[in-house]
Amino acid sequence: MVEDAETALAFFEPDSSRPADPVAAVMSCVEQRARALLLDGPALPAAFFDLSTGVAGELVQKLTNYDIRMAGVVPDLLAQSPRFREFAREANAGRRVRFFTTRQEAKAWLESF
């Protein structure tokens, strides 16, 4: 867990050296009392980008249930499927989940609350 002393924002960031289970990451947020989740490129499993698997939908539902925000770092959104790009556009219009091209942008958004 990372804690920003200035804003008292705590967010959980799983080890990005291997894909994480997004729902388990939300549960780690709950256990550690983190209010936000940062998922960086390699930490997002391939199933997350395939909306037919339900992984992204389940994650968003859990985030909503536990009042947790998520910033996902996806450097090349154009490399994803049209359905995922549409999902990302819709998510970026809300306050719960957003996608960014850099970690710096993602962290800045998480810290803005």
N, C-alpha and C. Protein backbone atom coordinates (compact mmCIF):
# COMPACT_ATOMS: atom_id res chain seq x y z
N MET A 1 0.85 -1.17 0.00
CA MET A 1 0.00 0.00 0.00
C MET A 1 0.90 1.23 0.00
N VAL A 2 0.47 2.23 -0.72
CA VAL A 2 1.19 3.49 -0.80
C VAL A 2 0.33 4.54 -0.12
N GLU A 3 0.95 5.36 0.72
CA GLU A 3 0.19 6.41 1.39
C GLU A 3 0.83 7.75 1.10
N ASP A 4 0.03 8.69 0.70
CA ASP A 4 0.49 10.04 0.41
C ASP A 4 0.23 10.89 1.64
N ALA A 5 1.30 11.34 2.30
CA ALA A 5 1.17 12.07 3.56
C ALA A 5 0.41 13.39 3.38
N GLU A 6 0.58 14.06 2.25
CA GLU A 6 -0.08 15.35 2.05
C GLU A 6 -1.58 15.22 1.97
N THR A 7 -2.08 14.23 1.27
CA THR A 7 -3.52 14.12 1.07
C THR A 7 -4.15 13.01 1.89
N ALA A 8 -3.35 12.24 2.60
CA ALA A 8 -3.81 11.10 3.39
C ALA A 8 -4.55 10.10 2.51
N LEU A 9 -4.19 10.06 1.26
CA LEU A 9 -4.77 9.09 0.34
C LEU A 9 -3.97 7.80 0.45
N ALA A 10 -4.64 6.72 0.62
CA ALA A 10 -3.98 5.43 0.63
C ALA A 10 -4.49 4.65 -0.57
N PHE A 11 -3.56 4.12 -1.35
CA PHE A 11 -3.99 3.28 -2.45
C PHE A 11 -3.14 2.03 -2.50
N PHE A 12 -3.73 0.98 -3.01
CA PHE A 12 -3.08 -0.30 -3.11
C PHE A 12 -2.60 -0.48 -4.54
N GLU A 13 -1.39 -0.99 -4.67
CA GLU A 13 -0.82 -1.26 -5.98
C GLU A 13 -0.19 -2.65 -5.94
N PRO A 14 -0.79 -3.62 -6.64
CA PRO A 14 -0.19 -4.96 -6.64
C PRO A 14 1.13 -4.97 -7.39
N ASP A 15 1.90 -5.99 -7.15
CA ASP A 15 3.18 -6.19 -7.84
C ASP A 15 2.91 -6.25 -9.33
N SER A 16 3.51 -5.33 -10.08
CA SER A 16 3.23 -5.26 -11.52
C SER A 16 4.14 -6.16 -12.36
N SER A 17 4.93 -7.00 -11.72
CA SER A 17 5.80 -7.89 -12.49
C SER A 17 5.03 -9.08 -13.06
N ARG A 18 3.81 -9.27 -12.59
CA ARG A 18 2.97 -10.36 -13.12
C ARG A 18 1.50 -9.96 -13.01
N PRO A 19 0.65 -10.53 -13.86
CA PRO A 19 -0.77 -10.17 -13.82
C PRO A 19 -1.40 -10.49 -12.46
N ALA A 20 -2.22 -9.58 -12.00
CA ALA A 20 -2.91 -9.74 -10.72
C ALA A 20 -4.34 -10.16 -10.97
N ASP A 21 -4.95 -10.71 -9.96
CA ASP A 21 -6.38 -10.98 -9.99
C ASP A 21 -7.05 -9.68 -9.55
N PRO A 22 -7.73 -8.98 -10.46
CA PRO A 22 -8.29 -7.67 -10.11
C PRO A 22 -9.22 -7.71 -8.91
N VAL A 23 -10.03 -8.76 -8.79
CA VAL A 23 -10.96 -8.83 -7.66
C VAL A 23 -10.19 -9.04 -6.36
N ALA A 24 -9.15 -9.85 -6.40
CA ALA A 24 -8.30 -10.03 -5.21
C ALA A 24 -7.63 -8.71 -4.84
N ALA A 25 -7.28 -7.90 -5.84
CA ALA A 25 -6.69 -6.59 -5.57
C ALA A 25 -7.68 -5.70 -4.83
N VAL A 26 -8.95 -5.76 -5.20
CA VAL A 26 -9.98 -4.98 -4.49
C VAL A 26 -10.08 -5.47 -3.05
N MET A 27 -10.05 -6.77 -2.86
CA MET A 27 -10.13 -7.32 -1.51
C MET A 27 -8.91 -6.88 -0.69
N SER A 28 -7.75 -6.78 -1.32
CA SER A 28 -6.56 -6.27 -0.62
C SER A 28 -6.77 -4.82 -0.21
N CYS A 29 -7.43 -4.04 -1.06
CA CYS A 29 -7.76 -2.66 -0.70
C CYS A 29 -8.63 -2.63 0.55
N VAL A 30 -9.64 -3.48 0.57
CA VAL A 30 -10.55 -3.53 1.71
C VAL A 30 -9.78 -3.91 2.97
N GLU A 31 -8.97 -4.96 2.88
CA GLU A 31 -8.21 -5.44 4.04
C GLU A 31 -7.25 -4.37 4.56
N GLN A 32 -6.66 -3.60 3.65
CA GLN A 32 -5.66 -2.60 4.04
C GLN A 32 -6.27 -1.21 4.22
N ARG A 33 -7.58 -1.12 4.09
CA ARG A 33 -8.31 0.15 4.20
C ARG A 33 -7.82 1.19 3.20
N ALA A 34 -7.46 0.73 2.03
CA ALA A 34 -7.07 1.64 0.95
C ALA A 34 -8.32 2.11 0.24
N ARG A 35 -8.36 3.36 -0.15
CA ARG A 35 -9.53 3.93 -0.81
C ARG A 35 -9.42 3.92 -2.32
N ALA A 36 -8.28 3.46 -2.83
CA ALA A 36 -8.07 3.49 -4.28
C ALA A 36 -7.14 2.36 -4.69
N LEU A 37 -7.18 2.05 -5.97
CA LEU A 37 -6.41 0.96 -6.55
C LEU A 37 -5.71 1.46 -7.79
N LEU A 38 -4.42 1.20 -7.89
CA LEU A 38 -3.65 1.55 -9.08
C LEU A 38 -3.20 0.26 -9.73
N LEU A 39 -3.69 0.02 -10.95
CA LEU A 39 -3.30 -1.18 -11.70
C LEU A 39 -2.50 -0.74 -12.92
N ASP A 40 -1.24 -1.12 -12.92
CA ASP A 40 -0.33 -0.76 -13.99
C ASP A 40 -0.32 -1.86 -15.05
N GLY A 41 -0.05 -1.46 -16.29
CA GLY A 41 -0.04 -2.35 -17.45
C GLY A 41 0.11 -3.83 -17.19
N PRO A 42 1.30 -4.33 -16.79
CA PRO A 42 1.48 -5.77 -16.61
C PRO A 42 0.61 -6.37 -15.50
N ALA A 43 0.10 -5.55 -14.59
CA ALA A 43 -0.75 -6.07 -13.52
C ALA A 43 -2.18 -6.34 -14.00
N LEU A 44 -2.51 -5.84 -15.19
CA LEU A 44 -3.84 -6.09 -15.75
C LEU A 44 -3.78 -7.37 -16.59
N PRO A 45 -4.50 -8.41 -16.17
CA PRO A 45 -4.48 -9.66 -16.93
C PRO A 45 -5.16 -9.52 -18.28
N ALA A 46 -4.78 -10.36 -19.23
CA ALA A 46 -5.36 -10.31 -20.58
C ALA A 46 -6.88 -10.43 -20.53
N ALA A 47 -7.41 -11.23 -19.60
CA ALA A 47 -8.86 -11.41 -19.49
C ALA A 47 -9.58 -10.11 -19.15
N PHE A 48 -8.89 -9.18 -18.51
CA PHE A 48 -9.49 -7.89 -18.18
C PHE A 48 -9.87 -7.14 -19.45
N PHE A 49 -9.05 -7.24 -20.48
CA PHE A 49 -9.28 -6.50 -21.73
C PHE A 49 -10.29 -7.19 -22.64
N ASP A 50 -10.60 -8.45 -22.37
CA ASP A 50 -11.61 -9.20 -23.13
C ASP A 50 -12.92 -9.11 -22.35
N LEU A 51 -13.77 -8.17 -22.73
CA LEU A 51 -14.98 -7.92 -21.95
C LEU A 51 -15.91 -9.12 -21.87
N SER A 52 -15.79 -10.05 -22.80
CA SER A 52 -16.65 -11.23 -22.77
C SER A 52 -16.35 -12.14 -21.58
N THR A 53 -15.20 -11.98 -20.94
CA THR A 53 -14.85 -12.81 -19.77
C THR A 53 -15.56 -12.35 -18.51
N GLY A 54 -16.00 -11.11 -18.48
CA GLY A 54 -16.67 -10.57 -17.29
C GLY A 54 -15.72 -10.07 -16.21
N VAL A 55 -14.42 -10.20 -16.42
CA VAL A 55 -13.45 -9.77 -15.40
C VAL A 55 -13.56 -8.27 -15.14
N ALA A 56 -13.60 -7.46 -16.18
CA ALA A 56 -13.69 -6.01 -16.00
C ALA A 56 -15.00 -5.63 -15.33
N GLY A 57 -16.09 -6.24 -15.74
CA GLY A 57 -17.39 -5.94 -15.13
C GLY A 57 -17.44 -6.31 -13.67
N GLU A 58 -16.89 -7.47 -13.33
CA GLU A 58 -16.87 -7.90 -11.93
C GLU A 58 -16.01 -6.93 -11.10
N LEU A 59 -14.90 -6.50 -11.67
CA LEU A 59 -14.04 -5.56 -10.96
C LEU A 59 -14.78 -4.25 -10.69
N VAL A 60 -15.43 -3.70 -11.70
CA VAL A 60 -16.14 -2.44 -11.52
C VAL A 60 -17.25 -2.59 -10.48
N GLN A 61 -17.93 -3.73 -10.48
CA GLN A 61 -18.98 -3.97 -9.48
C GLN A 61 -18.40 -3.98 -8.08
N LYS A 62 -17.27 -4.67 -7.89
CA LYS A 62 -16.63 -4.71 -6.57
C LYS A 62 -16.15 -3.32 -6.15
N LEU A 63 -15.58 -2.57 -7.09
CA LEU A 63 -15.14 -1.21 -6.77
C LEU A 63 -16.31 -0.37 -6.29
N THR A 64 -17.46 -0.52 -6.95
CA THR A 64 -18.66 0.22 -6.57
C THR A 64 -19.14 -0.22 -5.20
N ASN A 65 -19.20 -1.53 -4.97
CA ASN A 65 -19.67 -2.05 -3.69
C ASN A 65 -18.85 -1.55 -2.51
N TYR A 66 -17.54 -1.44 -2.71
CA TYR A 66 -16.65 -1.06 -1.61
C TYR A 66 -16.20 0.40 -1.66
N ASP A 67 -16.79 1.18 -2.56
CA ASP A 67 -16.48 2.61 -2.68
C ASP A 67 -14.98 2.85 -2.85
N ILE A 68 -14.40 2.16 -3.83
CA ILE A 68 -12.97 2.27 -4.12
C ILE A 68 -12.83 2.78 -5.55
N ARG A 69 -11.91 3.72 -5.75
CA ARG A 69 -11.60 4.21 -7.09
C ARG A 69 -10.45 3.41 -7.67
N MET A 70 -10.39 3.35 -8.99
CA MET A 70 -9.30 2.64 -9.65
C MET A 70 -8.76 3.45 -10.81
N ALA A 71 -7.45 3.51 -10.89
CA ALA A 71 -6.77 4.10 -12.04
C ALA A 71 -6.00 2.96 -12.71
N GLY A 72 -6.26 2.76 -13.98
CA GLY A 72 -5.56 1.74 -14.75
C GLY A 72 -4.62 2.41 -15.74
N VAL A 73 -3.41 1.90 -15.82
CA VAL A 73 -2.42 2.45 -16.75
C VAL A 73 -2.39 1.55 -17.98
N VAL A 74 -2.85 2.09 -19.10
CA VAL A 74 -2.89 1.38 -20.37
C VAL A 74 -2.22 2.29 -21.39
N PRO A 75 -0.91 2.12 -21.59
CA PRO A 75 -0.16 3.04 -22.44
C PRO A 75 -0.68 3.18 -23.87
N ASP A 76 -1.20 2.09 -24.45
CA ASP A 76 -1.67 2.16 -25.84
C ASP A 76 -3.09 1.63 -25.92
N LEU A 77 -4.04 2.48 -25.62
CA LEU A 77 -5.45 2.09 -25.65
C LEU A 77 -5.88 1.66 -27.05
N LEU A 78 -5.27 2.23 -28.08
CA LEU A 78 -5.63 1.88 -29.45
C LEU A 78 -5.28 0.44 -29.80
N ALA A 79 -4.40 -0.18 -29.03
CA ALA A 79 -4.04 -1.57 -29.26
C ALA A 79 -5.10 -2.53 -28.73
N GLN A 80 -6.07 -2.00 -27.99
CA GLN A 80 -7.13 -2.84 -27.42
C GLN A 80 -8.31 -2.94 -28.39
N SER A 81 -9.20 -3.85 -28.08
CA SER A 81 -10.37 -4.06 -28.94
C SER A 81 -11.28 -2.84 -28.93
N PRO A 82 -12.09 -2.69 -29.99
CA PRO A 82 -13.04 -1.57 -30.01
C PRO A 82 -13.99 -1.58 -28.81
N ARG A 83 -14.42 -2.77 -28.39
CA ARG A 83 -15.33 -2.84 -27.23
C ARG A 83 -14.64 -2.35 -25.97
N PHE A 84 -13.36 -2.72 -25.79
CA PHE A 84 -12.66 -2.26 -24.59
C PHE A 84 -12.43 -0.75 -24.66
N ARG A 85 -12.09 -0.24 -25.82
CA ARG A 85 -11.90 1.21 -25.96
C ARG A 85 -13.18 1.95 -25.60
N GLU A 86 -14.32 1.41 -26.02
CA GLU A 86 -15.61 2.02 -25.68
C GLU A 86 -15.84 1.98 -24.16
N PHE A 87 -15.54 0.84 -23.57
CA PHE A 87 -15.63 0.68 -22.11
C PHE A 87 -14.76 1.72 -21.41
N ALA A 88 -13.53 1.89 -21.88
CA ALA A 88 -12.60 2.85 -21.28
C ALA A 88 -13.12 4.28 -21.43
N ARG A 89 -13.67 4.61 -22.60
CA ARG A 89 -14.22 5.96 -22.80
C ARG A 89 -15.36 6.23 -21.82
N GLU A 90 -16.24 5.26 -21.66
CA GLU A 90 -17.36 5.41 -20.72
C GLU A 90 -16.86 5.52 -19.28
N ALA A 91 -15.88 4.70 -18.94
CA ALA A 91 -15.32 4.73 -17.59
C ALA A 91 -14.67 6.08 -17.31
N ASN A 92 -13.96 6.60 -18.29
CA ASN A 92 -13.26 7.88 -18.11
C ASN A 92 -14.21 9.06 -17.92
N ALA A 93 -15.47 8.88 -18.26
CA ALA A 93 -16.45 9.94 -18.07
C ALA A 93 -17.00 9.93 -16.64
N GLY A 94 -16.71 8.86 -15.89
CA GLY A 94 -17.22 8.74 -14.53
C GLY A 94 -16.18 9.08 -13.48
N ARG A 95 -16.49 8.74 -12.24
CA ARG A 95 -15.60 9.06 -11.12
C ARG A 95 -15.02 7.82 -10.46
N ARG A 96 -15.41 6.64 -10.87
CA ARG A 96 -14.99 5.42 -10.18
C ARG A 96 -13.74 4.81 -10.81
N VAL A 97 -13.72 4.71 -12.13
CA VAL A 97 -12.63 4.04 -12.85
C VAL A 97 -12.17 4.95 -13.98
N ARG A 98 -10.87 5.08 -14.12
CA ARG A 98 -10.31 5.84 -15.24
C ARG A 98 -9.07 5.13 -15.75
N PHE A 99 -8.79 5.37 -17.02
CA PHE A 99 -7.61 4.79 -17.66
C PHE A 99 -6.69 5.91 -18.13
N PHE A 100 -5.40 5.70 -17.95
CA PHE A 100 -4.40 6.71 -18.27
C PHE A 100 -3.25 6.07 -19.04
N THR A 101 -2.51 6.91 -19.75
CA THR A 101 -1.37 6.38 -20.52
C THR A 101 -0.10 6.32 -19.69
N THR A 102 -0.05 7.05 -18.57
CA THR A 102 1.15 7.03 -17.73
C THR A 102 0.77 6.85 -16.26
N ARG A 103 1.73 6.33 -15.50
CA ARG A 103 1.54 6.19 -14.05
C ARG A 103 1.39 7.56 -13.39
N GLN A 104 2.13 8.52 -13.89
CA GLN A 104 2.09 9.87 -13.32
C GLN A 104 0.67 10.44 -13.41
N GLU A 105 0.03 10.30 -14.57
CA GLU A 105 -1.34 10.79 -14.74
C GLU A 105 -2.30 10.03 -13.82
N ALA A 106 -2.12 8.70 -13.74
CA ALA A 106 -2.98 7.88 -12.92
C ALA A 106 -2.87 8.27 -11.45
N LYS A 107 -1.66 8.42 -10.96
CA LYS A 107 -1.46 8.80 -9.56
C LYS A 107 -2.01 10.19 -9.29
N ALA A 108 -1.82 11.11 -10.21
CA ALA A 108 -2.34 12.47 -10.03
C ALA A 108 -3.85 12.45 -9.89
N TRP A 109 -4.53 11.63 -10.70
CA TRP A 109 -5.98 11.54 -10.61
C TRP A 109 -6.39 10.94 -9.25
N LEU A 110 -5.73 9.86 -8.83
CA LEU A 110 -6.05 9.25 -7.54
C LEU A 110 -5.84 10.24 -6.40
N GLU A 111 -4.82 11.06 -6.50
CA GLU A 111 -4.49 12.01 -5.45
C GLU A 111 -5.38 13.25 -5.48
N SER A 112 -6.19 13.41 -6.53
CA SER A 112 -7.03 14.60 -6.65
C SER A 112 -8.30 14.52 -5.80
N PHE A 113 -8.54 13.42 -5.17
CA PHE A 113 -9.75 13.25 -4.35
C PHE A 113 -9.45 13.47 -2.89
